[in-house]
């Protein structure tokens, strides 16, 4: 048993990886549920667009817009799942590198940077879904906070990696 109080302990590296996996699961759940997109808002937008047009033209535009929204949902689904997978992938790669040379230290740092970039891009995609595809942003709030926490944990991990610098060998 540790002498350090639980409230005073720092996050473990493994917790960062577990957090990334939890984000991946939450994102998969969102994609499975079509991001909880409000179909009534899409219907309203389509109906406003086709108001006053001939029936044949209304049908063509309606089909086109539904096709557009479906393709956007599919595209965003693929993107968010890939970004969520990227967070854990880059963290695992970084975690396998124990730097003894500066090039290894830099590679480890790059992988953490890539994981952080995936966090930012994932938040951007979720924002797009909420604003442009009429999803309920309230359902995403916990996930967005979880992604931000993950980003901050990765950033902290990068800072603690400076401990390797004193033992880094010059060439490699």
N, C-alpha and C. Protein backbone atom coordinates (compact mmCIF):
# COMPACT_ATOMS: atom_id res chain seq x y z
N UNK A 1 0.84 -1.18 0.00
CA UNK A 1 0.00 0.00 0.00
C UNK A 1 0.88 1.24 0.00
N UNK A 2 0.49 2.22 -0.76
CA UNK A 2 1.27 3.43 -0.91
C UNK A 2 1.08 4.37 0.28
N UNK A 3 2.16 5.10 0.62
CA UNK A 3 2.08 6.08 1.68
C UNK A 3 1.49 7.41 1.19
N UNK A 4 1.35 7.54 -0.11
CA UNK A 4 0.83 8.77 -0.69
C UNK A 4 -0.70 8.69 -0.73
N UNK A 5 -1.34 9.73 -0.23
CA UNK A 5 -2.80 9.77 -0.24
C UNK A 5 -3.29 9.74 -1.68
N UNK A 6 -4.43 9.09 -1.86
CA UNK A 6 -4.98 8.95 -3.21
C UNK A 6 -5.21 10.32 -3.87
N UNK A 7 -5.65 11.29 -3.10
CA UNK A 7 -5.92 12.63 -3.65
C UNK A 7 -4.65 13.35 -4.08
N UNK A 8 -3.49 12.90 -3.59
CA UNK A 8 -2.23 13.55 -3.94
C UNK A 8 -1.45 12.82 -5.03
N UNK A 9 -1.97 11.68 -5.46
CA UNK A 9 -1.28 10.91 -6.49
C UNK A 9 -1.50 11.53 -7.86
N UNK A 10 -0.51 11.35 -8.72
CA UNK A 10 -0.65 11.84 -10.10
C UNK A 10 -1.28 10.74 -10.95
N UNK A 11 -1.79 11.14 -12.10
CA UNK A 11 -2.38 10.18 -13.04
C UNK A 11 -1.28 9.26 -13.56
N UNK A 12 -1.59 7.98 -13.68
CA UNK A 12 -0.61 7.06 -14.24
C UNK A 12 -0.68 7.12 -15.76
N UNK A 13 0.40 6.72 -16.40
CA UNK A 13 0.43 6.71 -17.86
C UNK A 13 -0.66 5.79 -18.40
N UNK A 14 -0.87 4.68 -17.69
CA UNK A 14 -1.86 3.72 -18.12
C UNK A 14 -3.26 4.32 -18.08
N UNK A 15 -3.51 5.22 -17.14
CA UNK A 15 -4.81 5.87 -17.07
C UNK A 15 -5.07 6.70 -18.32
N UNK A 16 -4.05 7.27 -18.89
CA UNK A 16 -4.20 8.03 -20.13
C UNK A 16 -4.66 7.09 -21.24
N UNK A 17 -4.09 5.92 -21.30
CA UNK A 17 -4.47 4.93 -22.32
C UNK A 17 -5.89 4.43 -22.07
N UNK A 18 -6.24 4.19 -20.81
CA UNK A 18 -7.62 3.79 -20.49
C UNK A 18 -8.61 4.88 -20.87
N UNK A 19 -8.24 6.14 -20.64
CA UNK A 19 -9.09 7.27 -21.02
C UNK A 19 -9.31 7.32 -22.52
N UNK A 20 -8.25 7.06 -23.27
CA UNK A 20 -8.36 7.06 -24.74
C UNK A 20 -9.31 5.95 -25.20
N UNK A 21 -9.22 4.80 -24.55
CA UNK A 21 -10.11 3.69 -24.90
C UNK A 21 -11.56 4.03 -24.57
N UNK A 22 -11.79 4.68 -23.44
CA UNK A 22 -13.15 5.09 -23.05
C UNK A 22 -13.72 6.08 -24.06
N UNK A 23 -12.89 6.99 -24.54
CA UNK A 23 -13.32 7.95 -25.57
C UNK A 23 -13.69 7.20 -26.84
N UNK A 24 -12.88 6.24 -27.20
CA UNK A 24 -13.15 5.46 -28.41
C UNK A 24 -14.49 4.74 -28.31
N UNK A 25 -14.78 4.17 -27.15
CA UNK A 25 -16.05 3.48 -26.94
C UNK A 25 -17.23 4.47 -27.02
N UNK A 26 -17.08 5.64 -26.41
CA UNK A 26 -18.15 6.64 -26.42
C UNK A 26 -18.40 7.15 -27.83
N UNK A 27 -17.34 7.35 -28.60
CA UNK A 27 -17.47 7.83 -29.98
C UNK A 27 -18.16 6.76 -30.83
N UNK A 28 -17.80 5.51 -30.63
CA UNK A 28 -18.45 4.41 -31.37
C UNK A 28 -19.94 4.39 -31.07
N UNK A 29 -20.28 4.58 -29.80
CA UNK A 29 -21.68 4.62 -29.40
C UNK A 29 -22.41 5.76 -30.09
N UNK A 30 -21.79 6.93 -30.15
CA UNK A 30 -22.40 8.07 -30.85
C UNK A 30 -22.64 7.75 -32.32
N UNK A 31 -21.64 7.17 -32.96
CA UNK A 31 -21.76 6.85 -34.38
C UNK A 31 -22.86 5.81 -34.61
N UNK A 32 -22.95 4.82 -33.72
CA UNK A 32 -24.00 3.81 -33.85
C UNK A 32 -25.39 4.42 -33.76
N UNK A 33 -25.51 5.53 -33.03
CA UNK A 33 -26.80 6.20 -32.84
C UNK A 33 -26.95 7.43 -33.74
N UNK A 34 -26.20 7.46 -34.83
CA UNK A 34 -26.25 8.58 -35.78
C UNK A 34 -26.11 9.93 -35.10
N UNK A 35 -25.29 9.96 -34.05
CA UNK A 35 -24.96 11.20 -33.34
C UNK A 35 -26.19 11.88 -32.72
N UNK A 36 -27.25 11.12 -32.54
CA UNK A 36 -28.50 11.67 -31.98
C UNK A 36 -28.95 12.91 -32.76
N UNK A 37 -28.82 12.81 -34.06
CA UNK A 37 -29.22 13.92 -34.93
C UNK A 37 -30.74 14.04 -34.91
N UNK A 38 -31.21 15.25 -34.77
CA UNK A 38 -32.64 15.53 -34.70
C UNK A 38 -33.21 15.57 -36.11
N UNK A 39 -33.92 14.52 -36.48
CA UNK A 39 -34.47 14.42 -37.83
C UNK A 39 -35.52 15.50 -38.09
N UNK A 40 -36.21 15.94 -37.07
CA UNK A 40 -37.24 16.97 -37.28
C UNK A 40 -36.61 18.28 -37.76
N UNK A 41 -35.41 18.59 -37.28
CA UNK A 41 -34.74 19.82 -37.74
C UNK A 41 -34.31 19.68 -39.19
N UNK A 42 -33.86 18.50 -39.56
CA UNK A 42 -33.48 18.26 -40.96
C UNK A 42 -34.73 18.35 -41.84
N UNK A 43 -35.83 17.74 -41.40
CA UNK A 43 -37.10 17.82 -42.14
C UNK A 43 -37.51 19.28 -42.34
N UNK A 44 -37.41 20.06 -41.26
CA UNK A 44 -37.80 21.47 -41.31
C UNK A 44 -36.95 22.23 -42.32
N UNK A 45 -35.64 21.97 -42.31
CA UNK A 45 -34.73 22.65 -43.25
C UNK A 45 -35.07 22.27 -44.69
N UNK A 46 -35.33 21.00 -44.92
CA UNK A 46 -35.67 20.54 -46.28
C UNK A 46 -37.00 21.16 -46.71
N UNK A 47 -37.99 21.13 -45.83
CA UNK A 47 -39.31 21.68 -46.19
C UNK A 47 -39.25 23.17 -46.49
N UNK A 48 -38.42 23.91 -45.76
CA UNK A 48 -38.25 25.33 -46.05
C UNK A 48 -37.61 25.54 -47.41
N UNK A 49 -36.74 24.66 -47.77
CA UNK A 49 -36.03 24.80 -49.04
C UNK A 49 -36.93 24.48 -50.24
N UNK A 50 -37.84 23.52 -50.07
CA UNK A 50 -38.65 23.09 -51.22
C UNK A 50 -40.02 23.77 -51.29
N UNK A 51 -40.30 24.61 -50.31
CA UNK A 51 -41.60 25.31 -50.26
C UNK A 51 -41.82 26.10 -51.55
N UNK A 52 -42.98 25.91 -52.15
CA UNK A 52 -43.35 26.68 -53.33
C UNK A 52 -42.84 26.11 -54.65
N UNK A 53 -42.13 25.00 -54.61
CA UNK A 53 -41.62 24.41 -55.86
C UNK A 53 -42.60 23.36 -56.38
N UNK A 54 -42.42 23.00 -57.65
CA UNK A 54 -43.24 21.94 -58.23
C UNK A 54 -42.97 20.63 -57.50
N UNK A 55 -43.96 19.75 -57.54
CA UNK A 55 -43.86 18.47 -56.82
C UNK A 55 -42.66 17.65 -57.29
N UNK A 56 -42.43 17.63 -58.59
CA UNK A 56 -41.31 16.88 -59.15
C UNK A 56 -39.97 17.44 -58.64
N UNK A 57 -39.88 18.76 -58.63
CA UNK A 57 -38.66 19.43 -58.17
C UNK A 57 -38.49 19.23 -56.66
N UNK A 58 -39.60 19.27 -55.91
CA UNK A 58 -39.54 19.03 -54.46
C UNK A 58 -38.98 17.64 -54.17
N UNK A 59 -39.48 16.67 -54.91
CA UNK A 59 -39.03 15.28 -54.70
C UNK A 59 -37.53 15.15 -54.99
N UNK A 60 -37.09 15.78 -56.09
CA UNK A 60 -35.67 15.70 -56.48
C UNK A 60 -34.79 16.34 -55.41
N UNK A 61 -35.16 17.53 -54.95
CA UNK A 61 -34.36 18.24 -53.95
C UNK A 61 -34.36 17.48 -52.61
N UNK A 62 -35.53 16.98 -52.24
CA UNK A 62 -35.66 16.23 -50.99
C UNK A 62 -34.74 15.00 -51.00
N UNK A 63 -34.78 14.25 -52.09
CA UNK A 63 -33.92 13.07 -52.21
C UNK A 63 -32.45 13.46 -52.16
N UNK A 64 -32.11 14.54 -52.84
CA UNK A 64 -30.73 15.03 -52.88
C UNK A 64 -30.25 15.44 -51.48
N UNK A 65 -31.11 16.16 -50.76
CA UNK A 65 -30.71 16.63 -49.42
C UNK A 65 -30.60 15.46 -48.43
N UNK A 66 -31.51 14.50 -48.52
CA UNK A 66 -31.40 13.33 -47.64
C UNK A 66 -30.12 12.56 -47.95
N UNK A 67 -29.81 12.45 -49.22
CA UNK A 67 -28.57 11.78 -49.63
C UNK A 67 -27.35 12.52 -49.06
N UNK A 68 -27.40 13.86 -49.13
CA UNK A 68 -26.31 14.67 -48.59
C UNK A 68 -26.14 14.43 -47.09
N UNK A 69 -27.23 14.52 -46.34
CA UNK A 69 -27.14 14.32 -44.89
C UNK A 69 -26.65 12.92 -44.55
N UNK A 70 -27.12 11.92 -45.28
CA UNK A 70 -26.67 10.55 -45.03
C UNK A 70 -25.17 10.42 -45.29
N UNK A 71 -24.70 11.04 -46.38
CA UNK A 71 -23.27 10.95 -46.69
C UNK A 71 -22.43 11.69 -45.64
N UNK A 72 -22.96 12.81 -45.14
CA UNK A 72 -22.24 13.55 -44.09
C UNK A 72 -22.16 12.73 -42.81
N UNK A 73 -23.24 12.08 -42.45
CA UNK A 73 -23.25 11.23 -41.24
C UNK A 73 -22.24 10.09 -41.41
N UNK A 74 -22.22 9.47 -42.58
CA UNK A 74 -21.27 8.39 -42.83
C UNK A 74 -19.83 8.90 -42.78
N UNK A 75 -19.58 10.06 -43.41
CA UNK A 75 -18.23 10.63 -43.42
C UNK A 75 -17.77 10.98 -42.02
N UNK A 76 -18.63 11.64 -41.27
CA UNK A 76 -18.27 12.04 -39.91
C UNK A 76 -18.09 10.81 -39.02
N UNK A 77 -18.93 9.80 -39.21
CA UNK A 77 -18.78 8.55 -38.43
C UNK A 77 -17.39 7.96 -38.63
N UNK A 78 -17.00 7.85 -39.89
CA UNK A 78 -15.67 7.30 -40.19
C UNK A 78 -14.57 8.17 -39.59
N UNK A 79 -14.71 9.49 -39.73
CA UNK A 79 -13.69 10.41 -39.21
C UNK A 79 -13.55 10.33 -37.69
N UNK A 80 -14.67 10.39 -36.98
CA UNK A 80 -14.56 10.41 -35.51
C UNK A 80 -14.05 9.09 -34.96
N UNK A 81 -14.44 8.00 -35.60
CA UNK A 81 -13.93 6.70 -35.14
C UNK A 81 -12.43 6.61 -35.41
N UNK A 82 -11.99 7.08 -36.57
CA UNK A 82 -10.55 7.07 -36.88
C UNK A 82 -9.77 7.98 -35.93
N UNK A 83 -10.31 9.14 -35.63
CA UNK A 83 -9.62 10.06 -34.71
C UNK A 83 -9.56 9.48 -33.29
N UNK A 84 -10.64 8.89 -32.84
CA UNK A 84 -10.65 8.29 -31.50
C UNK A 84 -9.66 7.12 -31.44
N UNK A 85 -9.61 6.34 -32.51
CA UNK A 85 -8.64 5.24 -32.58
C UNK A 85 -7.22 5.80 -32.59
N UNK A 86 -7.03 6.93 -33.27
CA UNK A 86 -5.71 7.56 -33.36
C UNK A 86 -5.18 7.99 -32.01
N UNK A 87 -6.06 8.44 -31.13
CA UNK A 87 -5.61 8.85 -29.80
C UNK A 87 -4.94 7.68 -29.10
N UNK A 88 -5.64 6.56 -29.02
CA UNK A 88 -5.07 5.40 -28.32
C UNK A 88 -3.88 4.81 -29.08
N UNK A 89 -3.95 4.81 -30.40
CA UNK A 89 -2.84 4.27 -31.20
C UNK A 89 -1.54 5.04 -30.94
N UNK A 90 -1.62 6.35 -31.00
CA UNK A 90 -0.41 7.16 -30.81
C UNK A 90 0.10 7.09 -29.37
N UNK A 91 -0.81 6.98 -28.42
CA UNK A 91 -0.38 6.85 -27.03
C UNK A 91 0.33 5.51 -26.80
N UNK A 92 -0.20 4.45 -27.40
CA UNK A 92 0.44 3.13 -27.25
C UNK A 92 1.83 3.13 -27.89
N UNK A 93 1.93 3.75 -29.05
CA UNK A 93 3.24 3.82 -29.71
C UNK A 93 4.21 4.59 -28.82
N UNK A 94 3.77 5.74 -28.31
CA UNK A 94 4.63 6.56 -27.44
C UNK A 94 5.04 5.77 -26.20
N UNK A 95 4.12 5.01 -25.67
CA UNK A 95 4.37 4.26 -24.44
C UNK A 95 5.37 3.12 -24.64
N UNK A 96 5.54 2.67 -25.87
CA UNK A 96 6.50 1.60 -26.13
C UNK A 96 7.93 2.12 -26.29
N UNK A 97 8.07 3.43 -26.39
CA UNK A 97 9.40 4.03 -26.58
C UNK A 97 9.95 4.48 -25.23
N UNK A 98 11.03 3.84 -24.80
CA UNK A 98 11.73 4.30 -23.60
C UNK A 98 13.01 4.95 -24.09
N UNK A 99 13.04 6.28 -24.12
CA UNK A 99 14.13 6.97 -24.80
C UNK A 99 15.48 6.90 -24.07
N UNK A 100 16.49 6.53 -24.83
CA UNK A 100 17.86 6.62 -24.34
C UNK A 100 18.66 7.58 -25.22
N UNK A 101 18.15 7.85 -26.41
CA UNK A 101 18.77 8.80 -27.33
C UNK A 101 17.78 9.92 -27.63
N UNK A 102 18.28 11.06 -28.02
CA UNK A 102 17.43 12.22 -28.31
C UNK A 102 16.42 11.91 -29.41
N UNK A 103 16.82 11.16 -30.42
CA UNK A 103 15.88 10.82 -31.50
C UNK A 103 14.70 10.01 -30.97
N UNK A 104 14.94 9.14 -30.00
CA UNK A 104 13.86 8.36 -29.40
C UNK A 104 12.95 9.26 -28.55
N UNK A 105 13.57 10.18 -27.83
CA UNK A 105 12.80 11.14 -27.03
C UNK A 105 11.89 11.96 -27.94
N UNK A 106 12.45 12.43 -29.06
CA UNK A 106 11.67 13.23 -30.00
C UNK A 106 10.55 12.42 -30.64
N UNK A 107 10.80 11.15 -30.95
CA UNK A 107 9.78 10.29 -31.54
C UNK A 107 8.64 10.06 -30.55
N UNK A 108 9.00 9.83 -29.30
CA UNK A 108 8.00 9.66 -28.24
C UNK A 108 7.15 10.93 -28.12
N UNK A 109 7.80 12.07 -28.13
CA UNK A 109 7.09 13.35 -28.02
C UNK A 109 6.18 13.56 -29.23
N UNK A 110 6.66 13.22 -30.42
CA UNK A 110 5.86 13.35 -31.64
C UNK A 110 4.57 12.52 -31.56
N UNK A 111 4.69 11.30 -31.06
CA UNK A 111 3.51 10.44 -30.94
C UNK A 111 2.50 11.04 -29.97
N UNK A 112 2.98 11.64 -28.89
CA UNK A 112 2.06 12.30 -27.95
C UNK A 112 1.42 13.52 -28.60
N UNK A 113 2.22 14.25 -29.39
CA UNK A 113 1.68 15.40 -30.12
C UNK A 113 0.58 14.96 -31.09
N UNK A 114 0.79 13.83 -31.74
CA UNK A 114 -0.22 13.31 -32.67
C UNK A 114 -1.49 12.91 -31.93
N UNK A 115 -1.35 12.34 -30.76
CA UNK A 115 -2.53 11.99 -29.94
C UNK A 115 -3.30 13.25 -29.56
N UNK A 116 -2.56 14.30 -29.19
CA UNK A 116 -3.20 15.57 -28.83
C UNK A 116 -3.90 16.19 -30.06
N UNK A 117 -3.27 16.06 -31.21
CA UNK A 117 -3.89 16.57 -32.45
C UNK A 117 -5.18 15.82 -32.74
N UNK A 118 -5.20 14.52 -32.49
CA UNK A 118 -6.42 13.74 -32.68
C UNK A 118 -7.53 14.21 -31.73
N UNK A 119 -7.16 14.55 -30.50
CA UNK A 119 -8.14 15.08 -29.54
C UNK A 119 -8.78 16.36 -30.09
N UNK A 120 -7.94 17.27 -30.56
CA UNK A 120 -8.46 18.54 -31.10
C UNK A 120 -9.34 18.33 -32.33
N UNK A 121 -8.88 17.49 -33.24
CA UNK A 121 -9.65 17.24 -34.46
C UNK A 121 -10.97 16.54 -34.14
N UNK A 122 -10.96 15.66 -33.15
CA UNK A 122 -12.18 14.98 -32.73
C UNK A 122 -13.20 15.99 -32.19
N UNK A 123 -12.74 16.91 -31.38
CA UNK A 123 -13.64 17.95 -30.88
C UNK A 123 -14.20 18.79 -32.02
N UNK A 124 -13.38 19.10 -33.00
CA UNK A 124 -13.84 19.87 -34.16
C UNK A 124 -14.94 19.13 -34.93
N UNK A 125 -14.75 17.83 -35.13
CA UNK A 125 -15.75 17.04 -35.85
C UNK A 125 -17.06 16.99 -35.08
N UNK A 126 -16.98 16.83 -33.77
CA UNK A 126 -18.20 16.80 -32.96
C UNK A 126 -18.92 18.15 -32.99
N UNK A 127 -18.14 19.21 -33.02
CA UNK A 127 -18.73 20.56 -33.12
C UNK A 127 -19.46 20.71 -34.45
N UNK A 128 -18.85 20.22 -35.53
CA UNK A 128 -19.47 20.26 -36.85
C UNK A 128 -20.80 19.52 -36.85
N UNK A 129 -20.82 18.33 -36.26
CA UNK A 129 -22.04 17.53 -36.21
C UNK A 129 -23.15 18.30 -35.49
N UNK A 130 -22.79 18.93 -34.40
CA UNK A 130 -23.78 19.67 -33.63
C UNK A 130 -24.32 20.88 -34.37
N UNK A 131 -23.46 21.60 -35.02
CA UNK A 131 -23.86 22.85 -35.66
C UNK A 131 -24.45 22.66 -37.06
N UNK A 132 -23.89 21.76 -37.82
CA UNK A 132 -24.30 21.64 -39.23
C UNK A 132 -25.25 20.48 -39.50
N UNK A 133 -25.24 19.48 -38.64
CA UNK A 133 -26.10 18.32 -38.87
C UNK A 133 -27.21 18.21 -37.82
N UNK A 134 -27.35 19.26 -37.01
CA UNK A 134 -28.45 19.39 -36.07
C UNK A 134 -28.51 18.29 -35.01
N UNK A 135 -27.35 17.92 -34.50
CA UNK A 135 -27.30 16.95 -33.41
C UNK A 135 -27.51 17.68 -32.08
N UNK A 136 -27.90 16.93 -31.09
CA UNK A 136 -28.13 17.49 -29.76
C UNK A 136 -26.78 17.59 -29.04
N UNK A 137 -26.24 18.80 -28.96
CA UNK A 137 -24.92 19.00 -28.34
C UNK A 137 -24.90 18.66 -26.86
N UNK A 138 -26.05 18.72 -26.21
CA UNK A 138 -26.11 18.38 -24.78
C UNK A 138 -25.70 16.92 -24.53
N UNK A 139 -25.97 16.07 -25.50
CA UNK A 139 -25.59 14.66 -25.36
C UNK A 139 -24.08 14.45 -25.47
N UNK A 140 -23.38 15.44 -25.98
CA UNK A 140 -21.93 15.32 -26.20
C UNK A 140 -21.12 15.94 -25.07
N UNK A 141 -21.76 16.69 -24.20
CA UNK A 141 -21.02 17.48 -23.21
C UNK A 141 -20.04 16.64 -22.40
N UNK A 142 -20.48 15.49 -21.90
CA UNK A 142 -19.57 14.64 -21.12
C UNK A 142 -18.40 14.15 -21.96
N UNK A 143 -18.67 13.80 -23.20
CA UNK A 143 -17.60 13.34 -24.08
C UNK A 143 -16.61 14.46 -24.37
N UNK A 144 -17.11 15.65 -24.63
CA UNK A 144 -16.22 16.79 -24.90
C UNK A 144 -15.34 17.06 -23.68
N UNK A 145 -15.92 17.00 -22.50
CA UNK A 145 -15.13 17.19 -21.27
C UNK A 145 -14.11 16.07 -21.09
N UNK A 146 -14.50 14.86 -21.44
CA UNK A 146 -13.59 13.72 -21.35
C UNK A 146 -12.42 13.88 -22.33
N UNK A 147 -12.69 14.36 -23.53
CA UNK A 147 -11.64 14.59 -24.52
C UNK A 147 -10.69 15.68 -24.02
N UNK A 148 -11.24 16.73 -23.44
CA UNK A 148 -10.41 17.81 -22.91
C UNK A 148 -9.53 17.32 -21.76
N UNK A 149 -10.09 16.47 -20.90
CA UNK A 149 -9.31 15.89 -19.80
C UNK A 149 -8.19 15.02 -20.35
N UNK A 150 -8.49 14.25 -21.38
CA UNK A 150 -7.49 13.40 -22.02
C UNK A 150 -6.36 14.24 -22.60
N UNK A 151 -6.74 15.32 -23.29
CA UNK A 151 -5.75 16.24 -23.86
C UNK A 151 -4.82 16.75 -22.75
N UNK A 152 -5.40 17.19 -21.65
CA UNK A 152 -4.60 17.72 -20.54
C UNK A 152 -3.72 16.66 -19.90
N UNK A 153 -4.22 15.42 -19.81
CA UNK A 153 -3.41 14.34 -19.25
C UNK A 153 -2.22 14.02 -20.17
N UNK A 154 -2.45 14.05 -21.47
CA UNK A 154 -1.35 13.81 -22.41
C UNK A 154 -0.32 14.94 -22.30
N UNK A 155 -0.80 16.16 -22.18
CA UNK A 155 0.09 17.31 -22.02
C UNK A 155 0.93 17.16 -20.75
N UNK A 156 0.32 16.73 -19.67
CA UNK A 156 1.05 16.51 -18.41
C UNK A 156 2.08 15.39 -18.57
N UNK A 157 1.68 14.35 -19.28
CA UNK A 157 2.61 13.24 -19.53
C UNK A 157 3.82 13.73 -20.32
N UNK A 158 3.59 14.58 -21.29
CA UNK A 158 4.70 15.16 -22.06
C UNK A 158 5.65 15.93 -21.15
N UNK A 159 5.08 16.69 -20.21
CA UNK A 159 5.91 17.47 -19.30
C UNK A 159 6.73 16.57 -18.38
N UNK A 160 6.12 15.49 -17.91
CA UNK A 160 6.87 14.58 -17.03
C UNK A 160 7.95 13.83 -17.80
N UNK A 161 7.82 13.75 -19.10
CA UNK A 161 8.84 13.08 -19.91
C UNK A 161 10.18 13.83 -19.89
N UNK A 162 10.17 15.07 -19.48
CA UNK A 162 11.43 15.82 -19.40
C UNK A 162 12.41 15.15 -18.44
N UNK A 163 11.92 14.27 -17.59
CA UNK A 163 12.80 13.53 -16.68
C UNK A 163 13.81 12.66 -17.44
N UNK A 164 13.46 12.29 -18.68
CA UNK A 164 14.35 11.48 -19.49
C UNK A 164 15.55 12.26 -19.99
N UNK A 165 15.40 13.58 -20.08
CA UNK A 165 16.44 14.40 -20.70
C UNK A 165 17.79 14.29 -20.03
N UNK A 166 17.83 14.16 -18.69
CA UNK A 166 19.11 14.10 -17.99
C UNK A 166 19.87 12.81 -18.31
N UNK A 167 19.16 11.77 -18.77
CA UNK A 167 19.83 10.49 -19.07
C UNK A 167 19.98 10.24 -20.58
N UNK A 168 19.63 11.20 -21.39
CA UNK A 168 19.70 11.04 -22.85
C UNK A 168 21.16 11.05 -23.31
N UNK A 169 21.47 10.08 -24.17
CA UNK A 169 22.81 10.01 -24.77
C UNK A 169 22.82 10.91 -25.99
N UNK A 170 23.98 11.41 -26.33
CA UNK A 170 24.10 12.43 -27.37
C UNK A 170 23.76 11.95 -28.78
N UNK A 171 24.19 10.77 -29.19
CA UNK A 171 23.93 10.35 -30.57
C UNK A 171 23.01 9.15 -30.58
N UNK A 172 22.35 8.97 -31.70
CA UNK A 172 21.45 7.82 -31.78
C UNK A 172 20.59 7.98 -32.90
